[in-house]
Amino acid sequence: MAKYRCTVCNYVYDEEKEGTKFEDLPENWTCPVCNSPKSEFVLLTEEVKELKEGESTVSDVLVEQMAEWGVEYVFGIPGTSSLGIIDAIRKNEKIKYIQVRHEESAAFMASAHGKLKGHVSACLTVAGPGATNLATGLYDAKLDHSPVLALTGMVKRQLIGPGSFQEIDQHSFFKPITIFDEILMSENQTVTLTTFAMKHAITGRGVAHIGIPNDVQKLPHTEKIISFDGSFPNKAISPPMFVIMQAAQIINQSKRPVIIAGFGAMGQGANLLELAEKISASIVSTFRGKGVVDEFNDLYVGSHGGIGSTAATRLVRSADLLIVVGSSFSDMTQIPEKKTIQIDIDPMMIAKQYPVEVGLLGNSAEILPKLNDLVKENKKESYLDEIKKFKRDWLKLLEGEIDSKTTPVRPPYIIKVLNDKLADDAVITLDIGENTWWFGRNFWMKDTQKMILSGYLASMGFGLPAAIAAQLIYPDRQVVCVAGDGGFSMLMADFVTAIKYELPVKIFILNNRELGMIRQEQLMEGYENWQTELYNFDFAEYARICGGIGINVEKPEQLEDAVEKALLENKPVIVDINTDPVRFK
């Protein structure tokens, strides 16, 4: 019988205790602790493998403990100093190993997995260069609070220190990136360090690292595996009702409230809409919060900040109260100083930029229903009409930008076609560049779709590895990567990883033969345009050489058919779309 973890509050559903298989629960079933839907649960384990004395090693114990706590994927490249762990993964049927072409991809895949599932996965590399190549992807996980376990091989214990082949000070190297960083020096530390690392990654929402010397990996060892159930506190945290009542009273007095939803509000769309409808508020999202509610809803007016809508900007500017849920107040989101009620599970996020009227520390899944019960229904018809007008004006502006005739193909038209053609449950990964700007501004998401990107780090190269991870997690869903030519080419070697594992990811490249965002930044800051041009080749031909499908789009009249064809293919696809870096002419 299996166990499933609620990634919102850590409640464990045990099929044996409950007497019903998790998959047989009705679709509208919710977590009995925090009311989160079934989609927020992840499989932990179905059975613990019995490790017999004299037949198992430190690596076997470490890997079995990872499997017991729900690690499903390990991303990496095998090498000399990690062979013991690699062999343990080979023998463990509960963990899948995904071989990549660059360790940075492995870390990005693990980070993307954490963003999508809220649960830990692992990346594994060798000592020295393998370890250092993880840094960018792990920094992405650190800054976007994605749970990741990084495992690195090391030289033998007796060789640590004098400067051996492929030896670096891995402990010091990973220290700034991680919330847990230890070296497994003795077999008796195996379960303790493995569980501590995973506990830090999950509860601290960050990167945990264990370095394992080559000789330690092979030591004979048997140890009792610790269950996830009973090892974690429940995170269904809520402030006292008195504090929630204070917030409700302030909301009841507001005349122009605006709700700002960040990534931390994901999964709470129904509660946010209930609150918005009850108090007549508009809903604005951060970039990473796109899709928290159906963006075609009349009350949703767009993202705020550098890629935001004029409707969001005008409403936030004129608001007399901001209700901010799960936002980190990034400088790119540009949330102004106003009377604010803030909900966040991280105490360091409360009043991060300026003092708030009421800071509600806890889980939004717990707080929002209580807040909804306490606020008074307040229909403000003139304000609702204003919200609808601002949104209509913004949509009219976007529609006016769509040019389906001009060659090269204009980005607003590309995004419009993707908006029309992508599945209602598509999972979308974004690379970083001008393509990100167009997507955030012009794409309107359904609440059944998912979108992830490299948020705070804003690293080029994230899109393709993230798409591979997404397709592994959601094999039956459409997975699409929207990338620029600069971002895609950084880790394009891992397109063959998608081929190898038969993952039908769809890559749409806005190919302007330039670092388009940098070009715009040079223009805005008064610099001459220099060193942004890219020497490219035919990305569609590259896809075909790798064994995938390649489609070229040179003219706008080819775009719709190309997108439709790509989405119907059951193989990895690259659609190379000829566009240019000039935004409007």
Protein backbone atom coordinates (compact mmCIF):
# COMPACT_ATOMS: atom_id res chain seq x y z
CA MET A 1 0.00 0.00 0.00
CA ALA A 2 1.26 3.48 -0.89
CA LYS A 3 1.66 6.75 0.98
CA TYR A 4 1.12 10.22 -0.48
CA ARG A 5 2.35 13.56 0.83
CA CYS A 6 0.42 16.83 0.66
CA THR A 7 3.08 19.26 -0.58
CA VAL A 8 1.19 22.18 0.98
CA CYS A 9 0.96 21.02 4.60
CA ASN A 10 2.92 17.68 4.82
CA TYR A 11 -0.13 15.57 5.71
CA VAL A 12 0.51 11.94 4.70
CA TYR A 13 -2.31 9.88 3.24
CA ASP A 14 -1.62 6.24 4.09
CA GLU A 15 -3.69 3.85 1.96
CA GLU A 16 -3.30 1.03 4.48
CA LYS A 17 -4.63 3.14 7.37
CA GLU A 18 -7.38 4.82 5.34
CA GLY A 19 -8.55 1.65 3.61
CA THR A 20 -8.96 3.35 0.21
CA LYS A 21 -6.48 3.71 -2.61
CA PHE A 22 -5.53 7.30 -3.27
CA GLU A 23 -6.35 7.02 -6.98
CA ASP A 24 -9.87 5.84 -6.07
CA LEU A 25 -10.65 8.99 -4.07
CA PRO A 26 -13.13 11.32 -5.83
CA GLU A 27 -11.61 14.12 -7.89
CA ASN A 28 -13.10 16.76 -5.60
CA TRP A 29 -11.48 15.18 -2.54
CA THR A 30 -9.28 17.59 -0.61
CA CYS A 31 -6.61 17.30 2.06
CA PRO A 32 -8.41 16.86 5.43
CA VAL A 33 -5.91 19.20 7.06
CA CYS A 34 -5.42 22.15 4.67
CA ASN A 35 -8.14 21.57 2.02
CA SER A 36 -5.62 21.35 -0.84
CA PRO A 37 -6.75 19.36 -3.92
CA LYS A 38 -5.51 15.90 -4.91
CA SER A 39 -3.18 17.48 -7.45
CA GLU A 40 -1.03 18.83 -4.60
CA PHE A 41 -0.14 15.30 -3.40
CA VAL A 42 2.94 13.32 -4.44
CA LEU A 43 3.67 9.63 -4.08
CA LEU A 44 6.15 8.83 -1.32
CA THR A 45 6.64 5.08 -1.48
CA GLU A 46 4.73 1.86 -1.93
CA GLU A 47 7.04 -0.43 0.04
CA VAL A 48 10.38 -0.30 1.80
CA LYS A 49 13.07 -2.51 0.33
CA GLU A 50 14.61 -4.83 2.90
CA LEU A 51 18.37 -4.29 3.04
CA LYS A 52 20.15 -7.37 4.30
CA GLU A 53 23.38 -7.23 6.27
CA GLY A 54 26.39 -7.98 4.12
CA GLU A 55 24.46 -7.42 0.90
CA SER A 56 24.14 -3.65 0.87
CA THR A 57 26.39 -0.59 0.91
CA VAL A 58 26.25 3.00 2.10
CA SER A 59 25.05 3.94 -1.37
CA ASP A 60 22.23 1.38 -1.25
CA VAL A 61 21.03 2.73 2.09
CA LEU A 62 21.24 6.36 0.93
CA VAL A 63 19.28 5.65 -2.25
CA GLU A 64 16.63 3.58 -0.47
CA GLN A 65 16.14 6.35 2.07
CA MET A 66 15.70 8.84 -0.77
CA ALA A 67 13.12 6.55 -2.38
CA GLU A 68 11.25 6.12 0.90
CA TRP A 69 10.81 9.89 1.09
CA GLY A 70 9.49 10.18 -2.43
CA VAL A 71 12.50 11.03 -4.59
CA GLU A 72 11.46 9.78 -8.00
CA TYR A 73 14.14 11.24 -10.28
CA VAL A 74 17.90 11.68 -10.16
CA PHE A 75 19.39 13.81 -12.96
CA GLY A 76 23.07 13.65 -13.78
CA ILE A 77 26.12 12.31 -15.58
CA PRO A 78 27.93 9.20 -14.25
CA GLY A 79 31.60 9.46 -13.45
CA THR A 80 34.50 7.99 -11.50
CA SER A 81 33.78 9.50 -8.09
CA SER A 82 30.04 8.69 -8.09
CA LEU A 83 29.99 5.11 -9.38
CA GLY A 84 28.86 3.61 -6.07
CA ILE A 85 25.75 5.77 -5.96
CA ILE A 86 25.09 5.24 -9.66
CA ASP A 87 25.10 1.47 -9.13
CA ALA A 88 22.75 1.76 -6.15
CA ILE A 89 20.28 3.74 -8.30
CA ARG A 90 20.59 1.08 -11.01
CA LYS A 91 19.52 -1.58 -8.52
CA ASN A 92 16.65 0.45 -7.01
CA GLU A 93 13.49 0.15 -9.09
CA LYS A 94 11.73 3.05 -7.35
CA ILE A 95 14.09 5.78 -8.60
CA LYS A 96 14.57 6.75 -12.24
CA TYR A 97 17.95 8.00 -13.43
CA ILE A 98 17.96 10.58 -16.24
CA GLN A 99 21.31 10.95 -17.98
CA VAL A 100 21.93 14.50 -19.23
CA ARG A 101 24.58 16.10 -21.45
CA HIS A 102 25.54 18.91 -19.08
CA GLU A 103 25.40 19.06 -15.29
CA GLU A 104 23.81 22.52 -15.43
CA SER A 105 20.85 20.86 -17.15
CA ALA A 106 20.65 18.31 -14.33
CA ALA A 107 20.37 21.06 -11.73
CA PHE A 108 17.82 22.99 -13.80
CA MET A 109 15.74 19.82 -14.17
CA ALA A 110 15.77 19.23 -10.43
CA SER A 111 14.86 22.87 -9.80
CA ALA A 112 12.01 22.72 -12.33
CA HIS A 113 10.71 19.53 -10.71
CA GLY A 114 10.58 21.26 -7.33
CA LYS A 115 8.76 24.27 -8.76
CA LEU A 116 6.14 22.08 -10.43
CA LYS A 117 5.61 19.46 -7.73
CA GLY A 118 6.68 21.12 -4.49
CA HIS A 119 8.67 17.98 -3.71
CA VAL A 120 12.34 17.14 -3.76
CA SER A 121 14.23 15.50 -6.61
CA ALA A 122 17.99 15.03 -6.91
CA CYS A 123 20.91 15.80 -9.16
CA LEU A 124 24.11 13.76 -9.02
CA THR A 125 27.55 14.55 -10.38
CA VAL A 126 31.21 13.74 -9.95
CA ALA A 127 33.76 15.72 -7.97
CA GLY A 128 35.39 18.86 -9.33
CA PRO A 129 33.98 20.03 -12.68
CA GLY A 130 30.78 18.04 -12.30
CA ALA A 131 30.11 19.75 -9.00
CA THR A 132 30.94 23.25 -10.23
CA ASN A 133 28.72 22.82 -13.30
CA LEU A 134 25.71 22.44 -11.00
CA ALA A 135 26.07 25.95 -9.62
CA THR A 136 23.79 27.93 -11.96
CA GLY A 137 20.89 25.49 -11.75
CA LEU A 138 21.23 25.20 -7.99
CA TYR A 139 21.29 28.99 -7.59
CA ASP A 140 18.04 29.04 -9.55
CA ALA A 141 16.55 26.60 -7.03
CA LYS A 142 17.92 28.61 -4.10
CA LEU A 143 16.51 31.94 -5.27
CA ASP A 144 13.13 30.54 -6.36
CA HIS A 145 12.77 28.38 -3.22
CA SER A 146 12.65 25.04 -5.01
CA PRO A 147 13.48 21.89 -2.98
CA VAL A 148 16.51 20.09 -4.44
CA LEU A 149 18.93 17.45 -3.16
CA ALA A 150 22.40 17.76 -4.73
CA LEU A 151 24.67 14.73 -4.42
CA THR A 152 28.29 14.95 -5.46
CA GLY A 153 30.99 12.32 -5.52
CA MET A 154 34.32 13.17 -3.91
CA VAL A 155 37.84 11.77 -3.90
CA LYS A 156 38.67 9.11 -1.33
CA ARG A 157 38.83 10.35 2.25
CA GLN A 158 42.59 9.95 2.53
CA LEU A 159 43.05 12.15 -0.59
CA ILE A 160 40.93 15.07 0.65
CA GLY A 161 43.13 18.10 1.21
CA PRO A 162 46.47 17.73 -0.61
CA GLY A 163 45.10 18.65 -4.03
CA SER A 164 44.15 15.42 -5.73
CA PHE A 165 42.86 14.85 -9.25
CA GLN A 166 39.45 16.57 -9.71
CA GLU A 167 39.48 17.67 -6.07
CA ILE A 168 38.06 21.02 -5.02
CA ASP A 169 36.81 22.28 -1.66
CA GLN A 170 33.27 21.17 -2.39
CA HIS A 171 32.02 21.90 1.11
CA SER A 172 33.00 25.56 0.82
CA PHE A 173 31.88 25.77 -2.80
CA PHE A 174 28.30 24.75 -2.01
CA LYS A 175 28.01 26.69 1.26
CA PRO A 176 26.58 29.93 -0.23
CA ILE A 177 24.07 28.01 -2.37
CA THR A 178 22.66 25.63 0.20
CA ILE A 179 20.63 25.48 3.38
CA PHE A 180 22.28 22.15 4.28
CA ASP A 181 25.83 21.20 3.29
CA GLU A 182 27.65 18.20 4.73
CA ILE A 183 30.14 15.47 3.80
CA LEU A 184 29.21 11.86 4.54
CA MET A 185 32.44 10.64 6.16
CA SER A 186 31.22 7.54 8.01
CA GLU A 187 28.75 4.78 7.20
CA ASN A 188 26.91 5.47 10.47
CA GLN A 189 25.96 8.93 9.19
CA THR A 190 24.12 7.62 6.14
CA VAL A 191 20.46 7.76 7.16
CA THR A 192 20.95 10.73 9.46
CA LEU A 193 22.54 12.97 6.84
CA THR A 194 20.21 11.80 4.05
CA THR A 195 17.08 12.54 6.06
CA PHE A 196 18.48 15.82 7.44
CA ALA A 197 19.34 16.96 3.93
CA MET A 198 15.91 16.15 2.56
CA LYS A 199 14.18 17.66 5.58
CA HIS A 200 16.06 20.91 5.06
CA ALA A 201 15.28 20.94 1.33
CA ILE A 202 11.55 20.36 1.87
CA THR A 203 10.87 22.51 4.92
CA GLY A 204 13.37 25.23 3.97
CA ARG A 205 12.40 25.13 0.27
CA GLY A 206 15.96 25.21 -0.96
CA VAL A 207 19.05 23.24 -1.88
CA ALA A 208 20.61 20.60 0.34
CA HIS A 209 23.99 19.12 -0.56
CA ILE A 210 25.76 15.93 0.50
CA GLY A 211 29.29 15.19 -0.67
CA ILE A 212 30.15 11.49 -0.56
CA PRO A 213 33.79 10.33 -0.79
CA ASN A 214 34.31 7.55 -3.30
CA ASP A 215 35.46 4.99 -0.75
CA VAL A 216 32.55 5.69 1.63
CA GLN A 217 30.03 4.94 -1.13
CA LYS A 218 31.23 1.32 -1.30
CA LEU A 219 31.42 0.54 2.43
CA PRO A 220 29.23 -2.41 3.53
CA HIS A 221 26.33 -1.02 5.54
CA THR A 222 22.81 -1.86 6.67
CA GLU A 223 20.57 0.58 8.54
CA LYS A 224 16.87 0.99 9.30
CA ILE A 225 15.11 3.26 6.80
CA ILE A 226 13.10 6.08 8.39
CA SER A 227 9.51 6.71 7.30
CA PHE A 228 8.45 10.15 6.04
CA ASP A 229 5.26 9.89 8.08
CA GLY A 230 6.04 11.16 11.56
CA SER A 231 9.27 12.90 10.51
CA PHE A 232 7.81 16.28 9.52
CA PRO A 233 5.69 18.93 11.23
CA ASN A 234 2.41 19.81 9.58
CA LYS A 235 2.53 23.19 7.84
CA ALA A 236 -1.19 24.00 8.05
CA ILE A 237 -0.23 27.19 9.86
CA SER A 238 -2.62 30.04 10.55
CA PRO A 239 -2.45 33.17 12.74
CA PRO A 240 -4.90 33.73 15.62
CA MET A 241 -8.45 34.61 14.62
CA PHE A 242 -8.03 38.01 16.29
CA VAL A 243 -5.36 38.96 13.72
CA ILE A 244 -7.43 37.63 10.80
CA MET A 245 -10.39 39.68 12.10
CA GLN A 246 -8.18 42.78 12.08
CA ALA A 247 -7.42 42.14 8.43
CA ALA A 248 -11.11 41.57 7.64
CA GLN A 249 -12.10 44.86 9.27
CA ILE A 250 -9.58 46.78 7.16
CA ILE A 251 -10.81 45.02 4.01
CA ASN A 252 -14.42 45.86 4.88
CA GLN A 253 -13.52 49.55 5.04
CA SER A 254 -11.69 49.65 1.69
CA LYS A 255 -13.30 51.18 -1.37
CA ARG A 256 -10.73 50.22 -4.04
CA PRO A 257 -9.06 46.94 -2.97
CA VAL A 258 -6.67 45.07 -5.26
CA ILE A 259 -5.49 41.48 -4.70
CA ILE A 260 -1.91 40.75 -5.79
CA ALA A 261 -1.20 37.02 -6.13
CA GLY A 262 2.32 35.60 -6.35
CA PHE A 263 3.75 32.13 -6.88
CA GLY A 264 3.04 31.34 -3.23
CA ALA A 265 -0.70 31.61 -3.95
CA MET A 266 -0.63 28.83 -6.56
CA GLY A 267 -3.44 26.35 -5.96
CA GLN A 268 -5.57 28.96 -4.21
CA GLY A 269 -7.33 30.38 -7.25
CA ALA A 270 -10.83 29.43 -6.07
CA ASN A 271 -10.29 31.10 -2.69
CA LEU A 272 -8.83 34.22 -4.32
CA LEU A 273 -11.78 34.52 -6.70
CA GLU A 274 -14.24 34.04 -3.84
CA LEU A 275 -12.56 36.88 -1.95
CA ALA A 276 -12.40 39.11 -5.04
CA GLU A 277 -16.06 38.57 -5.88
CA LYS A 278 -17.17 39.16 -2.30
CA ILE A 279 -15.34 42.49 -1.84
CA SER A 280 -15.38 43.64 -5.51
CA ALA A 281 -11.61 43.57 -6.00
CA SER A 282 -9.49 43.12 -9.08
CA ILE A 283 -6.83 40.40 -9.15
CA VAL A 284 -3.30 41.17 -10.31
CA SER A 285 -0.53 38.57 -10.48
CA THR A 286 3.22 38.64 -10.36
CA PHE A 287 4.95 37.07 -13.37
CA ARG A 288 5.53 33.79 -11.53
CA GLY A 289 1.92 33.96 -10.33
CA LYS A 290 0.50 33.82 -13.86
CA GLY A 291 -2.20 31.16 -14.02
CA VAL A 292 -3.14 31.34 -10.34
CA VAL A 293 -6.63 32.20 -11.62
CA ASP A 294 -8.11 31.94 -15.08
CA GLU A 295 -6.81 35.08 -16.74
CA PHE A 296 -9.93 35.35 -18.90
CA ASN A 297 -11.96 36.03 -15.75
CA ASP A 298 -13.30 39.61 -15.71
CA LEU A 299 -11.64 40.34 -12.36
CA TYR A 300 -8.13 39.40 -13.52
CA VAL A 301 -6.43 42.41 -15.11
CA GLY A 302 -2.89 41.19 -15.85
CA SER A 303 0.55 41.01 -14.31
CA HIS A 304 2.19 43.91 -12.51
CA GLY A 305 5.68 45.22 -13.13
CA GLY A 306 8.04 45.35 -16.06
CA ILE A 307 6.01 42.89 -18.15
CA GLY A 308 2.69 44.02 -16.72
CA SER A 309 -0.50 45.47 -18.12
CA THR A 310 -1.63 49.08 -18.04
CA ALA A 311 -4.84 47.87 -16.36
CA ALA A 312 -2.87 46.35 -13.48
CA THR A 313 -0.70 49.44 -13.13
CA ARG A 314 -3.65 51.85 -13.07
CA LEU A 315 -5.67 49.82 -10.58
CA VAL A 316 -2.74 49.25 -8.21
CA ARG A 317 -1.79 52.92 -8.42
CA SER A 318 -5.33 54.05 -7.48
CA ALA A 319 -5.96 51.31 -4.88
CA ASP A 320 -6.64 52.20 -1.26
CA LEU A 321 -5.71 48.68 -0.11
CA LEU A 322 -3.45 45.93 -1.46
CA ILE A 323 -4.05 42.33 -0.37
CA VAL A 324 -0.79 40.59 -1.26
CA VAL A 325 -0.72 36.78 -1.18
CA GLY A 326 2.47 34.76 -1.65
CA SER A 327 4.59 37.47 -3.31
CA SER A 328 8.26 38.10 -2.56
CA PHE A 329 8.06 41.79 -3.56
CA SER A 330 10.66 41.48 -6.30
CA ASP A 331 11.92 44.78 -7.66
CA MET A 332 10.72 43.59 -11.08
CA THR A 333 7.14 43.29 -9.77
CA GLN A 334 7.26 46.93 -8.60
CA ILE A 335 4.60 46.73 -5.88
CA PRO A 336 4.28 50.28 -4.50
CA GLU A 337 4.14 51.35 -0.87
CA LYS A 338 0.47 51.43 0.09
CA LYS A 339 -1.83 50.26 2.85
CA THR A 340 -1.25 46.50 2.65
CA ILE A 341 -2.48 43.24 4.11
CA GLN A 342 0.05 40.53 3.41
CA ILE A 343 -0.23 36.73 3.58
CA ASP A 344 2.94 34.65 3.46
CA ILE A 345 4.33 31.48 5.00
CA ASP A 346 7.84 32.97 5.19
CA PRO A 347 8.19 35.48 8.06
CA MET A 348 11.06 37.23 6.24
CA MET A 349 8.71 38.08 3.37
CA ILE A 350 6.23 39.89 5.62
CA ALA A 351 6.89 43.64 5.33
CA LYS A 352 9.98 42.92 3.22
CA GLN A 353 9.91 46.31 1.46
CA TYR A 354 7.80 48.47 3.80
CA PRO A 355 5.56 48.14 6.89
CA VAL A 356 2.14 46.52 6.39
CA GLU A 357 -1.16 47.10 8.17
CA VAL A 358 -1.58 43.41 9.01
CA GLY A 359 0.88 40.61 8.30
CA LEU A 360 -0.77 37.19 8.26
CA LEU A 361 1.94 34.59 8.76
CA GLY A 362 0.94 31.15 7.62
CA ASN A 363 -0.39 28.95 4.85
CA SER A 364 -2.66 30.76 2.39
CA ALA A 365 -4.70 27.55 2.04
CA GLU A 366 -5.59 27.95 5.72
CA ILE A 367 -5.87 31.72 5.96
CA LEU A 368 -7.90 32.61 2.86
CA PRO A 369 -11.01 30.49 3.72
CA LYS A 370 -11.09 32.04 7.21
CA LEU A 371 -10.68 35.51 5.77
CA ASN A 372 -13.46 34.85 3.26
CA ASP A 373 -15.80 33.88 6.09
CA LEU A 374 -15.10 37.13 7.96
CA VAL A 375 -15.21 39.79 5.23
CA LYS A 376 -18.55 41.36 4.36
CA GLU A 377 -20.05 41.15 0.92
CA ASN A 378 -19.61 44.53 -0.69
CA LYS A 379 -20.71 44.97 -4.31
CA LYS A 380 -19.16 48.15 -5.71
CA GLU A 381 -20.74 48.34 -9.16
CA SER A 382 -18.97 51.51 -10.35
CA TYR A 383 -15.59 50.08 -9.31
CA LEU A 384 -16.36 46.77 -11.03
CA ASP A 385 -17.29 48.67 -14.20
CA GLU A 386 -13.96 50.51 -13.98
CA ILE A 387 -12.07 47.22 -13.62
CA LYS A 388 -13.80 45.79 -16.68
CA LYS A 389 -13.15 48.94 -18.72
CA PHE A 390 -9.43 48.98 -17.88
CA LYS A 391 -9.15 45.33 -18.86
CA ARG A 392 -11.03 45.90 -22.14
CA ASP A 393 -8.73 48.81 -22.96
CA TRP A 394 -5.64 46.64 -22.31
CA LEU A 395 -6.93 43.75 -24.40
CA LYS A 396 -7.77 46.17 -27.20
CA LEU A 397 -4.20 47.48 -27.09
CA LEU A 398 -2.81 43.94 -27.30
CA GLU A 399 -5.13 43.06 -30.16
CA GLY A 400 -3.96 46.16 -32.03
CA GLU A 401 -0.36 44.92 -31.82
CA ILE A 402 -1.16 41.63 -33.56
CA ASP A 403 0.19 41.77 -37.09
CA SER A 404 -0.48 38.59 -39.05
CA LYS A 405 0.90 39.92 -42.34
CA THR A 406 4.43 41.23 -41.73
CA THR A 407 7.62 39.24 -42.34
CA PRO A 408 9.65 38.48 -40.21
CA VAL A 409 6.84 37.17 -37.98
CA ARG A 410 5.96 39.63 -35.22
CA PRO A 411 6.19 38.29 -31.60
CA PRO A 412 2.65 39.46 -30.63
CA TYR A 413 1.27 37.30 -33.44
CA ILE A 414 3.39 34.32 -32.35
CA ILE A 415 2.07 34.57 -28.79
CA LYS A 416 -1.50 35.02 -30.06
CA VAL A 417 -1.29 31.79 -32.08
CA LEU A 418 0.17 29.90 -29.10
CA ASN A 419 -2.61 31.31 -26.93
CA ASP A 420 -5.20 29.95 -29.36
CA LYS A 421 -3.60 26.56 -29.97
CA LEU A 422 -2.10 25.31 -26.68
CA ALA A 423 -4.08 22.75 -24.69
CA ASP A 424 -6.12 23.87 -21.71
CA ASP A 425 -3.85 21.83 -19.44
CA ALA A 426 -0.55 22.62 -21.18
CA VAL A 427 2.60 22.93 -19.09
CA ILE A 428 4.70 25.84 -20.33
CA THR A 429 8.36 26.46 -19.58
CA LEU A 430 10.02 29.75 -20.44
CA ASP A 431 13.57 30.56 -21.26
CA ILE A 432 14.89 34.00 -20.40
CA GLY A 433 15.12 36.79 -22.96
CA GLU A 434 12.81 38.95 -25.00
CA ASN A 435 10.56 35.91 -25.50
CA THR A 436 9.86 36.07 -21.76
CA TRP A 437 8.73 39.68 -22.04
CA TRP A 438 6.32 38.88 -24.85
CA PHE A 439 4.90 35.83 -23.11
CA GLY A 440 4.38 37.53 -19.76
CA ARG A 441 2.71 40.52 -21.37
CA ASN A 442 0.66 38.93 -24.16
CA PHE A 443 -0.16 35.35 -23.14
CA TRP A 444 -3.36 34.83 -21.12
CA MET A 445 -3.26 31.65 -19.09
CA LYS A 446 -6.01 29.32 -17.99
CA ASP A 447 -5.94 28.18 -14.38
CA THR A 448 -5.62 24.59 -15.61
CA GLN A 449 -2.29 25.41 -17.30
CA LYS A 450 1.08 25.61 -15.56
CA MET A 451 4.01 27.91 -16.26
CA ILE A 452 7.52 28.04 -14.79
CA LEU A 453 10.64 30.06 -15.49
CA SER A 454 13.90 31.04 -13.86
CA GLY A 455 12.48 33.80 -11.70
CA TYR A 456 14.94 35.59 -9.47
CA LEU A 457 18.10 34.29 -11.15
CA ALA A 458 16.60 34.88 -14.62
CA SER A 459 19.07 32.47 -16.18
CA MET A 460 19.14 31.75 -19.87
CA GLY A 461 19.16 28.04 -20.60
CA PHE A 462 16.37 27.08 -18.17
CA GLY A 463 13.61 26.42 -20.71
CA LEU A 464 14.68 23.14 -22.36
CA PRO A 465 15.79 21.27 -19.19
CA ALA A 466 12.62 22.46 -17.45
CA ALA A 467 10.50 21.15 -20.31
CA ILE A 468 12.18 17.74 -20.07
CA ALA A 469 11.48 17.59 -16.33
CA ALA A 470 7.88 18.70 -16.91
CA GLN A 471 7.26 15.98 -19.50
CA LEU A 472 8.62 13.35 -17.11
CA ILE A 473 6.23 14.57 -14.40
CA TYR A 474 3.24 14.97 -16.73
CA PRO A 475 3.66 12.33 -19.47
CA ASP A 476 0.07 12.73 -20.68
CA ARG A 477 0.06 16.53 -20.89
CA GLN A 478 1.25 18.88 -23.61
CA VAL A 479 4.62 20.36 -22.59
CA VAL A 480 5.77 23.47 -24.44
CA CYS A 481 8.95 25.52 -24.14
CA VAL A 482 8.96 29.11 -25.41
CA ALA A 483 12.57 30.20 -25.92
CA GLY A 484 14.76 32.67 -27.71
CA ASP A 485 17.62 31.57 -29.92
CA GLY A 486 20.15 32.79 -27.35
CA GLY A 487 18.63 30.95 -24.39
CA PHE A 488 17.94 27.71 -26.26
CA SER A 489 21.46 27.46 -27.66
CA MET A 490 23.01 27.54 -24.19
CA LEU A 491 21.92 23.98 -23.31
CA MET A 492 20.66 22.77 -26.67
CA ALA A 493 22.72 19.56 -26.42
CA ASP A 494 20.06 18.21 -24.08
CA PHE A 495 17.54 18.14 -26.90
CA VAL A 496 18.99 14.67 -27.51
CA THR A 497 18.05 13.82 -23.91
CA ALA A 498 14.43 14.39 -24.89
CA ILE A 499 15.01 12.14 -27.92
CA LYS A 500 16.65 9.43 -25.83
CA TYR A 501 13.85 9.24 -23.28
CA GLU A 502 11.10 9.70 -25.90
CA LEU A 503 9.75 12.86 -24.32
CA PRO A 504 7.60 14.73 -26.88
CA VAL A 505 8.46 18.27 -25.74
CA LYS A 506 7.61 21.09 -28.14
CA ILE A 507 10.20 23.89 -28.42
CA PHE A 508 9.10 27.15 -30.03
CA ILE A 509 12.14 29.34 -30.75
CA LEU A 510 11.61 33.04 -31.39
CA ASN A 511 14.67 33.29 -33.60
CA ASN A 512 15.69 36.94 -34.04
CA ARG A 513 19.41 36.13 -34.43
CA GLU A 514 20.16 38.47 -31.58
CA LEU A 515 20.17 38.87 -27.82
CA GLY A 516 17.02 40.91 -28.26
CA MET A 517 16.50 41.95 -24.65
CA ILE A 518 20.08 43.23 -24.38
CA ARG A 519 19.61 45.16 -27.60
CA GLN A 520 16.60 46.90 -26.06
CA GLU A 521 18.50 47.62 -22.85
CA GLN A 522 21.37 49.18 -24.81
CA LEU A 523 18.84 51.33 -26.65
CA MET A 524 17.07 52.42 -23.47
CA GLU A 525 20.33 53.37 -21.73
CA GLY A 526 21.69 55.31 -24.69
CA TYR A 527 24.39 52.86 -25.75
CA GLU A 528 25.17 51.83 -29.30
CA ASN A 529 23.87 48.41 -30.27
CA TRP A 530 26.98 46.19 -30.08
CA GLN A 531 27.83 42.49 -29.63
CA THR A 532 24.21 41.34 -29.43
CA GLU A 533 24.10 39.74 -32.89
CA LEU A 534 24.15 35.94 -32.90
CA TYR A 535 25.59 33.66 -35.55
CA ASN A 536 22.89 31.01 -35.84
CA PHE A 537 22.18 27.94 -37.91
CA ASP A 538 18.93 26.16 -38.80
CA PHE A 539 17.48 24.97 -35.47
CA ALA A 540 14.84 22.90 -37.25
CA GLU A 541 17.55 21.05 -39.17
CA TYR A 542 19.34 20.47 -35.87
CA ALA A 543 16.17 18.84 -34.51
CA ARG A 544 16.02 16.54 -37.52
CA ILE A 545 19.71 15.60 -37.21
CA CYS A 546 19.11 14.67 -33.56
CA GLY A 547 16.21 12.41 -34.53
CA GLY A 548 13.35 14.76 -33.70
CA ILE A 549 10.97 16.84 -35.78
CA GLY A 550 12.08 20.22 -37.14
CA ILE A 551 9.73 22.84 -38.59
CA ASN A 552 10.73 26.17 -40.12
CA VAL A 553 8.45 29.20 -40.09
CA GLU A 554 9.63 32.00 -42.39
CA LYS A 555 6.32 33.80 -43.02
CA PRO A 556 3.29 34.56 -40.82
CA GLU A 557 0.93 32.54 -43.02
CA GLN A 558 2.93 29.40 -42.14
CA LEU A 559 2.66 29.82 -38.37
CA GLU A 560 -0.75 28.38 -37.52
CA ASP A 561 -0.21 25.17 -39.48
CA ALA A 562 3.29 24.79 -38.02
CA VAL A 563 2.04 25.14 -34.45
CA GLU A 564 -0.81 22.69 -35.04
CA LYS A 565 1.53 20.15 -36.67
CA ALA A 566 4.07 20.44 -33.85
CA LEU A 567 1.46 19.92 -31.14
CA LEU A 568 0.15 16.78 -32.83
CA GLU A 569 3.57 15.11 -33.05
CA ASN A 570 4.48 12.39 -30.59
CA LYS A 571 8.21 13.18 -30.80
CA PRO A 572 10.35 16.10 -29.62
CA VAL A 573 9.85 19.08 -31.93
CA ILE A 574 11.68 22.34 -32.59
CA VAL A 575 9.75 25.06 -34.39
CA ASP A 576 12.27 27.66 -35.64
CA ILE A 577 10.29 30.89 -36.10
CA ASN A 578 11.87 33.72 -38.07
CA THR A 579 11.28 36.94 -36.14
CA ASP A 580 13.33 40.07 -35.43
CA PRO A 581 14.42 42.15 -32.43
CA VAL A 582 12.53 45.28 -33.50
CA ARG A 583 9.48 45.42 -31.25
CA PHE A 584 7.24 47.73 -33.25
CA LYS A 585 7.64 49.50 -36.57
